[in-house]
Amino acid sequence: MKVFGIGLVIVGVIWGVIAFNMKTTIETESRTFGEGLYSIRVPSQTVHNLDLADQRRNHLYIL
């Protein structure tokens, strides 16, 4: 029984490390609006994705 408990702790620690290393951000594409002199370029950005953050939180709740 003691070996089983130690195994569960090891699995939990590994699962926690994986959960904390999950990405919670995404990168958007750069876009250009308009043509010629009146064009506007919007650069790519890194934004926080709430769905990915929820998935990470759910993995941590299981622990």
C-alpha atoms as a PDB file:
ATOM      1  CA  MET A   1       0.000   0.000   0.000  1.00  0.00           C
ATOM      2  CA  LYS A   2       2.901   2.321   0.740  1.00  0.00           C
ATOM      3  CA  VAL A   3       4.344   1.726  -2.748  1.00  0.00           C
ATOM      4  CA  PHE A   4       0.951   2.540  -4.287  1.00  0.00           C
ATOM      5  CA  GLY A   5       0.829   5.862  -2.398  1.00  0.00           C
ATOM      6  CA  ILE A   6       4.334   6.792  -3.463  1.00  0.00           C
ATOM      7  CA  GLY A   7       3.401   5.982  -7.061  1.00  0.00           C
ATOM      8  CA  LEU A   8       0.352   8.270  -6.843  1.00  0.00           C
ATOM      9  CA  VAL A   9       2.481  11.106  -5.474  1.00  0.00           C
ATOM     10  CA  ILE A  10       5.005  10.712  -8.295  1.00  0.00           C
ATOM     11  CA  VAL A  11       2.238  10.698 -10.927  1.00  0.00           C
ATOM     12  CA  GLY A  12       0.689  13.795  -9.303  1.00  0.00           C
ATOM     13  CA  VAL A  13       3.975  15.701  -9.327  1.00  0.00           C
ATOM     14  CA  ILE A  14       4.606  14.837 -12.980  1.00  0.00           C
ATOM     15  CA  TRP A  15       1.038  15.847 -13.887  1.00  0.00           C
ATOM     16  CA  GLY A  16       1.469  19.140 -12.012  1.00  0.00           C
ATOM     17  CA  VAL A  17       4.714  19.948 -13.824  1.00  0.00           C
ATOM     18  CA  ILE A  18       3.039  19.249 -17.173  1.00  0.00           C
ATOM     19  CA  ALA A  19       0.022  21.395 -16.225  1.00  0.00           C
ATOM     20  CA  PHE A  20       2.179  24.352 -15.190  1.00  0.00           C
ATOM     21  CA  ASN A  21       4.076  24.152 -18.498  1.00  0.00           C
ATOM     22  CA  MET A  22       0.931  24.290 -20.659  1.00  0.00           C
ATOM     23  CA  LYS A  23       0.741  27.311 -22.973  1.00  0.00           C
ATOM     24  CA  THR A  24      -1.979  29.834 -22.156  1.00  0.00           C
ATOM     25  CA  THR A  25      -1.195  32.351 -24.907  1.00  0.00           C
ATOM     26  CA  ILE A  26      -1.682  32.404 -28.660  1.00  0.00           C
ATOM     27  CA  GLU A  27      -0.138  34.569 -31.363  1.00  0.00           C
ATOM     28  CA  THR A  28      -2.372  36.451 -33.790  1.00  0.00           C
ATOM     29  CA  GLU A  29      -1.517  37.037 -37.436  1.00  0.00           C
ATOM     30  CA  SER A  30      -0.368  40.397 -38.742  1.00  0.00           C
ATOM     31  CA  ARG A  31      -2.848  42.073 -41.106  1.00  0.00           C
ATOM     32  CA  THR A  32      -2.934  44.979 -43.513  1.00  0.00           C
ATOM     33  CA  PHE A  33      -6.097  47.040 -43.955  1.00  0.00           C
ATOM     34  CA  GLY A  34      -6.549  49.336 -46.946  1.00  0.00           C
ATOM     35  CA  GLU A  35      -4.360  49.995 -49.949  1.00  0.00           C
ATOM     36  CA  GLY A  36      -1.614  52.392 -50.945  1.00  0.00           C
ATOM     37  CA  LEU A  37      -0.898  55.424 -48.774  1.00  0.00           C
ATOM     38  CA  TYR A  38      -3.953  54.807 -46.625  1.00  0.00           C
ATOM     39  CA  SER A  39      -3.078  51.262 -45.584  1.00  0.00           C
ATOM     40  CA  ILE A  40      -2.690  50.381 -41.932  1.00  0.00           C
ATOM     41  CA  ARG A  41      -0.576  47.448 -40.804  1.00  0.00           C
ATOM     42  CA  VAL A  42      -1.550  45.709 -37.570  1.00  0.00           C
ATOM     43  CA  PRO A  43       1.401  43.669 -36.245  1.00  0.00           C
ATOM     44  CA  SER A  44       1.059  40.182 -34.785  1.00  0.00           C
ATOM     45  CA  GLN A  45       0.420  40.074 -31.063  1.00  0.00           C
ATOM     46  CA  THR A  46       0.611  37.542 -28.269  1.00  0.00           C
ATOM     47  CA  VAL A  47      -2.662  37.386 -26.330  1.00  0.00           C
ATOM     48  CA  HIS A  48      -3.847  35.439 -23.288  1.00  0.00           C
ATOM     49  CA  ASN A  49      -6.339  32.700 -24.262  1.00  0.00           C
ATOM     50  CA  LEU A  50      -8.959  32.100 -21.564  1.00  0.00           C
ATOM     51  CA  ASP A  51      -9.883  28.647 -22.870  1.00  0.00           C
ATOM     52  CA  LEU A  52      -6.302  27.428 -22.594  1.00  0.00           C
ATOM     53  CA  ALA A  53      -6.074  28.953 -19.112  1.00  0.00           C
ATOM     54  CA  ASP A  54      -9.260  27.080 -18.124  1.00  0.00           C
ATOM     55  CA  GLN A  55      -7.841  23.807 -19.402  1.00  0.00           C
ATOM     56  CA  ARG A  56      -4.704  24.350 -17.335  1.00  0.00           C
ATOM     57  CA  ARG A  57      -6.777  25.198 -14.265  1.00  0.00           C
ATOM     58  CA  ASN A  58      -8.871  22.046 -14.705  1.00  0.00           C
ATOM     59  CA  HIS A  59      -5.718  19.913 -14.813  1.00  0.00           C
ATOM     60  CA  LEU A  60      -4.545  21.518 -11.588  1.00  0.00           C
ATOM     61  CA  TYR A  61      -7.943  20.979  -9.907  1.00  0.00           C
ATOM     62  CA  ILE A  62      -7.681  17.251 -10.552  1.00  0.00           C
ATOM     63  CA  LEU A  63      -4.492  17.156  -8.521  1.00  0.00           C
END
